[in-house]
Amino acid sequence: MNGARWAAAHFGERLGVIEPGAPADLVLVDYRPATEFSERTLFAHLASGFARSPVSGVMVSGEIVMDNGTLVALDEAEVVARARECAARVWSRA
C-alpha cells in the first residue's frame, strides 16, 4: 500500500490526488536544472539541486499561502518579529 492510500485509510481523506474537492497541500519549487532531468537522474536532482531551489508557491488545504515567492496569507514582517521575540527569550535562558 502506498503512503497516500495508507493515509486515506487512516484519516478518511482522499489523499494522493489532485482534483476538485480533494485536500491540497502543494509546494512549488523554482527548479531549473542545467543537466538532463529524467528517471535516470531523478535521485541526483532531488539530492543536490531540487532541495536547494527556492520555493515559489505553497498551497495548504486548497488555500494559496505563498504566490511567486511572496507570502499572501501571513504578514511576513509580523512572523519575523515574533520569531525574533521567541529567539530572544530562548537565548536569554542560555
C-alpha atoms as a PDB file:
ATOM      1  CA  MET A   1       0.000   0.000   0.000  1.00  0.00           C
ATOM      2  CA  ASN A   2       1.438   3.384  -0.920  1.00  0.00           C
ATOM      3  CA  GLY A   3       1.601   6.275   1.547  1.00  0.00           C
ATOM      4  CA  ALA A   4      -1.402   8.129   0.117  1.00  0.00           C
ATOM      5  CA  ARG A   5      -3.664   5.077   0.316  1.00  0.00           C
ATOM      6  CA  TRP A   6      -2.469   4.296   3.851  1.00  0.00           C
ATOM      7  CA  ALA A   7      -3.155   7.873   4.983  1.00  0.00           C
ATOM      8  CA  ALA A   8      -6.561   7.874   3.292  1.00  0.00           C
ATOM      9  CA  ALA A   9      -7.477   4.629   5.039  1.00  0.00           C
ATOM     10  CA  HIS A  10      -6.438   6.005   8.439  1.00  0.00           C
ATOM     11  CA  PHE A  11      -7.529   9.637   8.156  1.00  0.00           C
ATOM     12  CA  GLY A  12     -10.606   9.266   5.963  1.00  0.00           C
ATOM     13  CA  GLU A  13      -9.476  11.785   3.343  1.00  0.00           C
ATOM     14  CA  ARG A  14      -8.940  11.405  -0.392  1.00  0.00           C
ATOM     15  CA  LEU A  15      -5.189  11.836  -0.383  1.00  0.00           C
ATOM     16  CA  GLY A  16      -2.661  11.478  -3.157  1.00  0.00           C
ATOM     17  CA  VAL A  17      -4.880  13.011  -5.839  1.00  0.00           C
ATOM     18  CA  ILE A  18      -5.074  16.465  -7.355  1.00  0.00           C
ATOM     19  CA  GLU A  19      -8.718  17.045  -8.199  1.00  0.00           C
ATOM     20  CA  PRO A  20     -11.578  19.336  -7.139  1.00  0.00           C
ATOM     21  CA  GLY A  21     -12.696  18.680  -3.572  1.00  0.00           C
ATOM     22  CA  ALA A  22      -9.556  16.794  -2.551  1.00  0.00           C
ATOM     23  CA  PRO A  23      -7.376  18.213   0.235  1.00  0.00           C
ATOM     24  CA  ALA A  24      -4.490  20.059  -1.359  1.00  0.00           C
ATOM     25  CA  ASP A  25      -1.127  20.764   0.220  1.00  0.00           C
ATOM     26  CA  LEU A  26       1.335  21.578  -2.539  1.00  0.00           C
ATOM     27  CA  VAL A  27       4.788  23.109  -2.664  1.00  0.00           C
ATOM     28  CA  LEU A  28       6.008  24.575  -5.957  1.00  0.00           C
ATOM     29  CA  VAL A  29       9.754  24.872  -6.374  1.00  0.00           C
ATOM     30  CA  ASP A  30      11.531  27.031  -8.937  1.00  0.00           C
ATOM     31  CA  TYR A  31      13.949  24.379 -10.166  1.00  0.00           C
ATOM     32  CA  ARG A  32      15.698  24.884 -13.482  1.00  0.00           C
ATOM     33  CA  PRO A  33      18.224  22.092 -13.963  1.00  0.00           C
ATOM     34  CA  ALA A  34      21.255  22.696 -16.117  1.00  0.00           C
ATOM     35  CA  THR A  35      21.596  18.988 -16.826  1.00  0.00           C
ATOM     36  CA  GLU A  36      19.344  16.203 -18.056  1.00  0.00           C
ATOM     37  CA  PHE A  37      16.264  15.639 -15.889  1.00  0.00           C
ATOM     38  CA  SER A  38      14.981  12.099 -16.345  1.00  0.00           C
ATOM     39  CA  GLU A  39      14.041   8.999 -14.405  1.00  0.00           C
ATOM     40  CA  ARG A  40      17.713   8.002 -14.527  1.00  0.00           C
ATOM     41  CA  THR A  41      18.901  11.282 -12.959  1.00  0.00           C
ATOM     42  CA  LEU A  42      15.955  11.972 -10.650  1.00  0.00           C
ATOM     43  CA  PHE A  43      17.670  10.948  -7.390  1.00  0.00           C
ATOM     44  CA  ALA A  44      20.693  13.151  -8.089  1.00  0.00           C
ATOM     45  CA  HIS A  45      18.422  16.102  -8.838  1.00  0.00           C
ATOM     46  CA  LEU A  46      16.411  15.536  -5.652  1.00  0.00           C
ATOM     47  CA  ALA A  47      19.544  15.153  -3.540  1.00  0.00           C
ATOM     48  CA  SER A  48      21.583  18.023  -4.906  1.00  0.00           C
ATOM     49  CA  GLY A  49      19.633  20.563  -6.917  1.00  0.00           C
ATOM     50  CA  PHE A  50      15.960  20.433  -6.105  1.00  0.00           C
ATOM     51  CA  ALA A  51      16.478  20.738  -2.337  1.00  0.00           C
ATOM     52  CA  ARG A  52      18.426  23.980  -2.797  1.00  0.00           C
ATOM     53  CA  SER A  53      15.885  25.653  -5.058  1.00  0.00           C
ATOM     54  CA  PRO A  54      13.668  28.493  -3.861  1.00  0.00           C
ATOM     55  CA  VAL A  55      10.043  27.796  -3.052  1.00  0.00           C
ATOM     56  CA  SER A  56       7.827  29.809  -5.375  1.00  0.00           C
ATOM     57  CA  GLY A  57       4.379  28.729  -4.243  1.00  0.00           C
ATOM     58  CA  VAL A  58       2.598  26.938  -1.411  1.00  0.00           C
ATOM     59  CA  MET A  59      -0.990  25.764  -1.085  1.00  0.00           C
ATOM     60  CA  VAL A  60      -2.339  24.490   2.257  1.00  0.00           C
ATOM     61  CA  SER A  61      -5.753  22.826   2.346  1.00  0.00           C
ATOM     62  CA  GLY A  62      -6.508  24.331  -1.039  1.00  0.00           C
ATOM     63  CA  GLU A  63      -5.640  27.891   0.048  1.00  0.00           C
ATOM     64  CA  ILE A  64      -2.703  29.685  -1.558  1.00  0.00           C
ATOM     65  CA  VAL A  65      -0.383  30.931   1.190  1.00  0.00           C
ATOM     66  CA  MET A  66       2.635  31.791  -0.981  1.00  0.00           C
ATOM     67  CA  ASP A  67       2.486  33.061  -4.537  1.00  0.00           C
ATOM     68  CA  ASN A  68       5.548  33.798  -6.639  1.00  0.00           C
ATOM     69  CA  GLY A  69       7.750  33.665  -3.525  1.00  0.00           C
ATOM     70  CA  THR A  70       5.604  36.099  -1.528  1.00  0.00           C
ATOM     71  CA  LEU A  71       3.545  35.119   1.496  1.00  0.00           C
ATOM     72  CA  VAL A  72      -0.049  36.145   0.853  1.00  0.00           C
ATOM     73  CA  ALA A  73      -1.812  34.545   3.819  1.00  0.00           C
ATOM     74  CA  LEU A  74       0.573  35.767   6.515  1.00  0.00           C
ATOM     75  CA  ASP A  75       2.196  39.056   7.397  1.00  0.00           C
ATOM     76  CA  GLU A  76       5.844  38.141   6.849  1.00  0.00           C
ATOM     77  CA  ALA A  77       7.138  41.083   8.906  1.00  0.00           C
ATOM     78  CA  GLU A  78       4.929  40.015  11.818  1.00  0.00           C
ATOM     79  CA  VAL A  79       6.154  36.426  11.585  1.00  0.00           C
ATOM     80  CA  VAL A  80       9.787  37.595  11.584  1.00  0.00           C
ATOM     81  CA  ALA A  81       9.170  39.912  14.547  1.00  0.00           C
ATOM     82  CA  ARG A  82       7.537  37.113  16.563  1.00  0.00           C
ATOM     83  CA  ALA A  83      10.351  34.720  15.671  1.00  0.00           C
ATOM     84  CA  ARG A  84      12.916  37.243  16.895  1.00  0.00           C
ATOM     85  CA  GLU A  85      10.990  37.708  20.160  1.00  0.00           C
ATOM     86  CA  CYS A  86      10.877  33.953  20.696  1.00  0.00           C
ATOM     87  CA  ALA A  87      14.554  33.572  19.841  1.00  0.00           C
ATOM     88  CA  ALA A  88      15.479  36.341  22.290  1.00  0.00           C
ATOM     89  CA  ARG A  89      13.610  34.511  25.073  1.00  0.00           C
ATOM     90  CA  VAL A  90      15.364  31.249  24.222  1.00  0.00           C
ATOM     91  CA  TRP A  91      18.803  32.886  24.105  1.00  0.00           C
ATOM     92  CA  SER A  92      18.185  34.683  27.398  1.00  0.00           C
ATOM     93  CA  ARG A  93      17.959  31.267  29.092  1.00  0.00           C
ATOM     94  CA  ALA A  94      21.388  30.181  27.840  1.00  0.00           C
END
